[in-house]
Amino acid sequence: MSFQFDPATHTYTLGGRRLFSVTEILDFHGFISEFSKDEERAHIGQAAHLACQLDDEHDLMEGSIHSVIRPYLDAWRLFKAESAFIPEQIETPLYLEDLGFAGTPDRLGVGFKNKKLLVDIKTGSKQKYWGFQLAGYCILAPGRIPYVVQLMPDGRYKCHSYLATIVEDMAVFQAALTITRVKEGM
């Protein structure tokens, strides 16, 4: 069966059947705040993500970075240097056919003395749903330590480990997935 991700509509399909996305599941249950949907913040977040992605892929043109985005990129580079993080997979869509969902973790890689990490990049204020989102990604990419790297507009970052709460966060995500599947008739 052919797995496809359409970035324009942020939809995943497997053999023509639509799969729920991690973010869609959380939004369906009201976990994603309205602040997280703010259009201006979303544009900054998308631009920062793209800059970090191009940088990790060694395809970034330094002169193309807007002054508003530069500190976020600097913060990402600082995190990578201080944690010795090496991305192995960058924005790679993943799915589980039997559970009927898919998602795209920002990074899978190694860091903090060669530990397998799942890293999600954020540019906004800390949100409760981050742990649930990471839990969905951990189901898709098991055996990794979940982190959010929160990039700040002043070039600093905060690294949030979700290892201590991942079991509870997974239970919440799995409940949300089950209810979504039942409500949507899957």
C-alpha atoms as a PDB file:
ATOM      1  CA  MET A   1       0.000   0.000   0.000  1.00  0.00           C
ATOM      2  CA  SER A   2       1.161   3.472  -0.837  1.00  0.00           C
ATOM      3  CA  PHE A   3       1.606   5.955   2.041  1.00  0.00           C
ATOM      4  CA  GLN A   4       1.405   9.615   1.088  1.00  0.00           C
ATOM      5  CA  PHE A   5       1.596  12.935   2.894  1.00  0.00           C
ATOM      6  CA  ASP A   6       0.250  16.112   1.293  1.00  0.00           C
ATOM      7  CA  PRO A   7       2.017  19.048   2.992  1.00  0.00           C
ATOM      8  CA  ALA A   8      -0.333  21.611   1.427  1.00  0.00           C
ATOM      9  CA  THR A   9      -3.392  20.133   3.168  1.00  0.00           C
ATOM     10  CA  HIS A  10      -1.471  18.366   5.966  1.00  0.00           C
ATOM     11  CA  THR A  11      -3.263  15.113   5.173  1.00  0.00           C
ATOM     12  CA  TYR A  12      -1.989  11.559   5.249  1.00  0.00           C
ATOM     13  CA  THR A  13      -3.357   8.684   3.167  1.00  0.00           C
ATOM     14  CA  LEU A  14      -2.576   4.995   3.006  1.00  0.00           C
ATOM     15  CA  GLY A  15      -3.800   3.165  -0.083  1.00  0.00           C
ATOM     16  CA  GLY A  16      -6.238   6.019  -0.675  1.00  0.00           C
ATOM     17  CA  ARG A  17      -7.659   5.824   2.880  1.00  0.00           C
ATOM     18  CA  ARG A  18      -7.268   8.980   4.939  1.00  0.00           C
ATOM     19  CA  LEU A  19      -5.385   8.656   8.236  1.00  0.00           C
ATOM     20  CA  PHE A  20      -5.842  10.937  11.223  1.00  0.00           C
ATOM     21  CA  SER A  21      -2.870  13.140  12.061  1.00  0.00           C
ATOM     22  CA  VAL A  22      -1.463  13.507  15.572  1.00  0.00           C
ATOM     23  CA  THR A  23      -2.273  17.222  15.570  1.00  0.00           C
ATOM     24  CA  GLU A  24      -5.759  16.667  14.150  1.00  0.00           C
ATOM     25  CA  ILE A  25      -6.565  14.173  16.929  1.00  0.00           C
ATOM     26  CA  LEU A  26      -5.478  16.619  19.621  1.00  0.00           C
ATOM     27  CA  ASP A  27      -7.306  19.547  18.026  1.00  0.00           C
ATOM     28  CA  PHE A  28     -10.482  17.442  17.649  1.00  0.00           C
ATOM     29  CA  HIS A  29     -10.558  17.084  21.439  1.00  0.00           C
ATOM     30  CA  GLY A  30      -9.768  20.732  22.189  1.00  0.00           C
ATOM     31  CA  PHE A  31      -6.212  20.224  23.440  1.00  0.00           C
ATOM     32  CA  ILE A  32      -4.652  22.786  21.096  1.00  0.00           C
ATOM     33  CA  SER A  33      -5.258  26.293  22.405  1.00  0.00           C
ATOM     34  CA  GLU A  34      -6.465  29.190  20.313  1.00  0.00           C
ATOM     35  CA  PHE A  35      -3.143  30.943  21.072  1.00  0.00           C
ATOM     36  CA  SER A  36      -1.391  28.137  19.206  1.00  0.00           C
ATOM     37  CA  LYS A  37      -3.549  28.893  16.181  1.00  0.00           C
ATOM     38  CA  ASP A  38      -2.671  32.615  16.037  1.00  0.00           C
ATOM     39  CA  GLU A  39      -1.870  33.364  12.392  1.00  0.00           C
ATOM     40  CA  GLU A  40       1.119  35.668  12.978  1.00  0.00           C
ATOM     41  CA  ARG A  41       2.706  33.262  15.481  1.00  0.00           C
ATOM     42  CA  ALA A  42       2.035  30.391  13.070  1.00  0.00           C
ATOM     43  CA  HIS A  43       3.895  32.191  10.270  1.00  0.00           C
ATOM     44  CA  ILE A  44       6.890  32.792  12.525  1.00  0.00           C
ATOM     45  CA  GLY A  45       6.827  29.167  13.668  1.00  0.00           C
ATOM     46  CA  GLN A  46       6.605  27.869  10.091  1.00  0.00           C
ATOM     47  CA  ALA A  47       9.444  30.111   8.922  1.00  0.00           C
ATOM     48  CA  ALA A  48      11.629  29.121  11.897  1.00  0.00           C
ATOM     49  CA  HIS A  49      10.903  25.423  11.256  1.00  0.00           C
ATOM     50  CA  LEU A  50      11.826  25.789   7.604  1.00  0.00           C
ATOM     51  CA  ALA A  51      15.061  27.628   8.447  1.00  0.00           C
ATOM     52  CA  CYS A  52      16.024  24.898  10.927  1.00  0.00           C
ATOM     53  CA  GLN A  53      15.140  22.190   8.412  1.00  0.00           C
ATOM     54  CA  LEU A  54      17.200  23.773   5.627  1.00  0.00           C
ATOM     55  CA  ASP A  55      20.074  24.278   8.056  1.00  0.00           C
ATOM     56  CA  ASP A  56      19.960  20.611   9.118  1.00  0.00           C
ATOM     57  CA  GLU A  57      19.845  19.554   5.468  1.00  0.00           C
ATOM     58  CA  HIS A  58      22.856  21.818   4.728  1.00  0.00           C
ATOM     59  CA  ASP A  59      20.753  23.663   2.175  1.00  0.00           C
ATOM     60  CA  LEU A  60      20.281  27.024   3.905  1.00  0.00           C
ATOM     61  CA  MET A  61      21.271  30.253   2.202  1.00  0.00           C
ATOM     62  CA  GLU A  62      22.398  32.403   5.149  1.00  0.00           C
ATOM     63  CA  GLY A  63      21.431  35.663   3.447  1.00  0.00           C
ATOM     64  CA  SER A  64      17.836  34.484   3.029  1.00  0.00           C
ATOM     65  CA  ILE A  65      17.045  34.503   6.767  1.00  0.00           C
ATOM     66  CA  HIS A  66      14.800  37.356   7.904  1.00  0.00           C
ATOM     67  CA  SER A  67      15.950  39.235  11.015  1.00  0.00           C
ATOM     68  CA  VAL A  68      12.845  38.068  12.916  1.00  0.00           C
ATOM     69  CA  ILE A  69      13.690  34.407  12.207  1.00  0.00           C
ATOM     70  CA  ARG A  70      17.472  34.635  12.779  1.00  0.00           C
ATOM     71  CA  PRO A  71      17.302  34.315  16.622  1.00  0.00           C
ATOM     72  CA  TYR A  72      15.212  31.137  16.359  1.00  0.00           C
ATOM     73  CA  LEU A  73      17.762  29.607  13.995  1.00  0.00           C
ATOM     74  CA  ASP A  74      20.590  30.705  16.307  1.00  0.00           C
ATOM     75  CA  ALA A  75      18.772  29.036  19.232  1.00  0.00           C
ATOM     76  CA  TRP A  76      18.408  25.791  17.257  1.00  0.00           C
ATOM     77  CA  ARG A  77      22.093  25.818  16.380  1.00  0.00           C
ATOM     78  CA  LEU A  78      22.970  26.466  20.016  1.00  0.00           C
ATOM     79  CA  PHE A  79      20.838  23.504  21.130  1.00  0.00           C
ATOM     80  CA  LYS A  80      22.518  21.238  18.582  1.00  0.00           C
ATOM     81  CA  ALA A  81      25.979  22.354  19.682  1.00  0.00           C
ATOM     82  CA  GLU A  82      25.318  22.035  23.420  1.00  0.00           C
ATOM     83  CA  SER A  83      23.519  18.673  23.190  1.00  0.00           C
ATOM     84  CA  ALA A  84      25.679  17.241  20.398  1.00  0.00           C
ATOM     85  CA  PHE A  85      22.400  16.545  18.603  1.00  0.00           C
ATOM     86  CA  ILE A  86      22.719  14.953  15.170  1.00  0.00           C
ATOM     87  CA  PRO A  87      19.475  14.701  13.188  1.00  0.00           C
ATOM     88  CA  GLU A  88      18.970  11.332  11.488  1.00  0.00           C
ATOM     89  CA  GLN A  89      15.471  11.960  10.157  1.00  0.00           C
ATOM     90  CA  ILE A  90      14.155  15.438   9.411  1.00  0.00           C
ATOM     91  CA  GLU A  91      10.406  16.036   9.048  1.00  0.00           C
ATOM     92  CA  THR A  92       9.813  12.407   8.032  1.00  0.00           C
ATOM     93  CA  PRO A  93       6.119  11.397   7.892  1.00  0.00           C
ATOM     94  CA  LEU A  94       5.388   8.150   9.777  1.00  0.00           C
ATOM     95  CA  TYR A  95       2.241   6.043  10.161  1.00  0.00           C
ATOM     96  CA  LEU A  96       0.734   3.027  11.870  1.00  0.00           C
ATOM     97  CA  GLU A  97      -1.785   1.269   9.681  1.00  0.00           C
ATOM     98  CA  ASP A  98      -3.393  -0.759  12.474  1.00  0.00           C
ATOM     99  CA  LEU A  99      -4.063   2.351  14.590  1.00  0.00           C
ATOM    100  CA  GLY A 100      -5.086   4.495  11.626  1.00  0.00           C
ATOM    101  CA  PHE A 101      -2.981   7.553  12.337  1.00  0.00           C
ATOM    102  CA  ALA A 102       0.128   9.333  11.131  1.00  0.00           C
ATOM    103  CA  GLY A 103       2.375  12.217  12.069  1.00  0.00           C
ATOM    104  CA  THR A 104       5.578  14.009  11.255  1.00  0.00           C
ATOM    105  CA  PRO A 105       8.019  14.381  14.133  1.00  0.00           C
ATOM    106  CA  ASP A 106      10.335  17.327  13.594  1.00  0.00           C
ATOM    107  CA  ARG A 107      13.521  15.353  14.262  1.00  0.00           C
ATOM    108  CA  LEU A 108      14.668  11.864  15.129  1.00  0.00           C
ATOM    109  CA  GLY A 109      18.325  11.724  16.017  1.00  0.00           C
ATOM    110  CA  VAL A 110      20.978  11.219  18.644  1.00  0.00           C
ATOM    111  CA  GLY A 111      22.272  13.593  21.301  1.00  0.00           C
ATOM    112  CA  PHE A 112      23.106  13.965  24.968  1.00  0.00           C
ATOM    113  CA  LYS A 113      25.883  11.361  24.800  1.00  0.00           C
ATOM    114  CA  ASN A 114      24.445   9.275  21.954  1.00  0.00           C
ATOM    115  CA  LYS A 115      20.905   8.798  23.285  1.00  0.00           C
ATOM    116  CA  LYS A 116      18.117   8.209  20.754  1.00  0.00           C
ATOM    117  CA  LEU A 117      15.936  11.328  20.792  1.00  0.00           C
ATOM    118  CA  LEU A 118      12.633  12.479  19.371  1.00  0.00           C
ATOM    119  CA  VAL A 119      12.738  16.271  19.185  1.00  0.00           C
ATOM    120  CA  ASP A 120       9.894  18.646  18.425  1.00  0.00           C
ATOM    121  CA  ILE A 121      10.722  22.283  17.730  1.00  0.00           C
ATOM    122  CA  LYS A 122       8.425  24.986  19.137  1.00  0.00           C
ATOM    123  CA  THR A 123       8.560  28.773  18.997  1.00  0.00           C
ATOM    124  CA  GLY A 124       5.570  29.743  21.154  1.00  0.00           C
ATOM    125  CA  SER A 125       4.875  29.637  24.862  1.00  0.00           C
ATOM    126  CA  LYS A 126       4.799  26.253  26.591  1.00  0.00           C
ATOM    127  CA  GLN A 127       1.518  24.383  26.111  1.00  0.00           C
ATOM    128  CA  LYS A 128       0.006  21.376  27.901  1.00  0.00           C
ATOM    129  CA  TYR A 129      -0.659  19.546  24.615  1.00  0.00           C
ATOM    130  CA  TRP A 130       3.069  19.310  23.790  1.00  0.00           C
ATOM    131  CA  GLY A 131       3.407  16.159  25.896  1.00  0.00           C
ATOM    132  CA  PHE A 132       0.384  14.568  24.214  1.00  0.00           C
ATOM    133  CA  GLN A 133       1.760  15.441  20.776  1.00  0.00           C
ATOM    134  CA  LEU A 134       5.134  13.916  21.655  1.00  0.00           C
ATOM    135  CA  ALA A 135       3.318  10.820  22.941  1.00  0.00           C
ATOM    136  CA  GLY A 136       1.685  10.346  19.535  1.00  0.00           C
ATOM    137  CA  TYR A 137       5.057  10.674  17.855  1.00  0.00           C
ATOM    138  CA  CYS A 138       6.635   8.240  20.349  1.00  0.00           C
ATOM    139  CA  ILE A 139       4.015   5.652  19.384  1.00  0.00           C
ATOM    140  CA  LEU A 140       5.065   6.164  15.755  1.00  0.00           C
ATOM    141  CA  ALA A 141       8.805   6.123  16.582  1.00  0.00           C
ATOM    142  CA  PRO A 142       9.231   4.002  19.733  1.00  0.00           C
ATOM    143  CA  GLY A 143      12.383   3.738  21.811  1.00  0.00           C
ATOM    144  CA  ARG A 144      13.268   7.436  21.794  1.00  0.00           C
ATOM    145  CA  ILE A 145      13.475  10.007  24.579  1.00  0.00           C
ATOM    146  CA  PRO A 146      10.942  12.792  23.879  1.00  0.00           C
ATOM    147  CA  TYR A 147      12.006  16.440  24.031  1.00  0.00           C
ATOM    148  CA  VAL A 148      10.605  19.779  23.010  1.00  0.00           C
ATOM    149  CA  VAL A 149      13.195  22.387  22.122  1.00  0.00           C
ATOM    150  CA  GLN A 150      11.489  25.718  22.642  1.00  0.00           C
ATOM    151  CA  LEU A 151      13.281  28.342  20.542  1.00  0.00           C
ATOM    152  CA  MET A 152      13.177  31.857  21.936  1.00  0.00           C
ATOM    153  CA  PRO A 153      13.085  35.160  20.043  1.00  0.00           C
ATOM    154  CA  ASP A 154      16.280  36.264  21.824  1.00  0.00           C
ATOM    155  CA  GLY A 155      18.425  33.383  20.482  1.00  0.00           C
ATOM    156  CA  ARG A 156      18.152  31.192  23.585  1.00  0.00           C
ATOM    157  CA  TYR A 157      16.294  27.926  23.951  1.00  0.00           C
ATOM    158  CA  LYS A 158      14.621  25.843  26.620  1.00  0.00           C
ATOM    159  CA  CYS A 159      14.845  22.075  26.456  1.00  0.00           C
ATOM    160  CA  HIS A 160      11.826  20.266  27.919  1.00  0.00           C
ATOM    161  CA  SER A 161      12.139  16.539  28.592  1.00  0.00           C
ATOM    162  CA  TYR A 162       8.890  14.571  28.618  1.00  0.00           C
ATOM    163  CA  LEU A 163      10.433  11.295  29.773  1.00  0.00           C
ATOM    164  CA  ALA A 164       8.888  11.582  33.257  1.00  0.00           C
ATOM    165  CA  THR A 165       5.346  12.089  31.903  1.00  0.00           C
ATOM    166  CA  ILE A 166       5.427  10.064  28.671  1.00  0.00           C
ATOM    167  CA  VAL A 167       3.440   7.100  30.060  1.00  0.00           C
ATOM    168  CA  GLU A 168       0.585   9.364  31.193  1.00  0.00           C
ATOM    169  CA  ASP A 169       0.827  11.454  28.016  1.00  0.00           C
ATOM    170  CA  MET A 170       0.603   8.273  25.907  1.00  0.00           C
ATOM    171  CA  ALA A 171      -2.502   7.164  27.797  1.00  0.00           C
ATOM    172  CA  VAL A 172      -4.164  10.514  27.044  1.00  0.00           C
ATOM    173  CA  PHE A 173      -3.157  10.381  23.382  1.00  0.00           C
ATOM    174  CA  GLN A 174      -4.325   6.779  22.964  1.00  0.00           C
ATOM    175  CA  ALA A 175      -7.675   7.629  24.587  1.00  0.00           C
ATOM    176  CA  ALA A 176      -8.074  10.609  22.264  1.00  0.00           C
ATOM    177  CA  LEU A 177      -7.192   8.435  19.258  1.00  0.00           C
ATOM    178  CA  THR A 178      -9.698   5.758  20.262  1.00  0.00           C
ATOM    179  CA  ILE A 179     -12.502   8.274  20.772  1.00  0.00           C
ATOM    180  CA  THR A 180     -11.666   9.977  17.466  1.00  0.00           C
ATOM    181  CA  ARG A 181     -11.813   6.645  15.633  1.00  0.00           C
ATOM    182  CA  VAL A 182     -15.148   5.753  17.252  1.00  0.00           C
ATOM    183  CA  LYS A 183     -16.698   9.180  16.576  1.00  0.00           C
ATOM    184  CA  GLU A 184     -15.465   9.197  12.985  1.00  0.00           C
ATOM    185  CA  GLY A 185     -16.676   5.648  12.367  1.00  0.00           C
ATOM    186  CA  MET A 186     -13.349   3.923  11.768  1.00  0.00           C
END
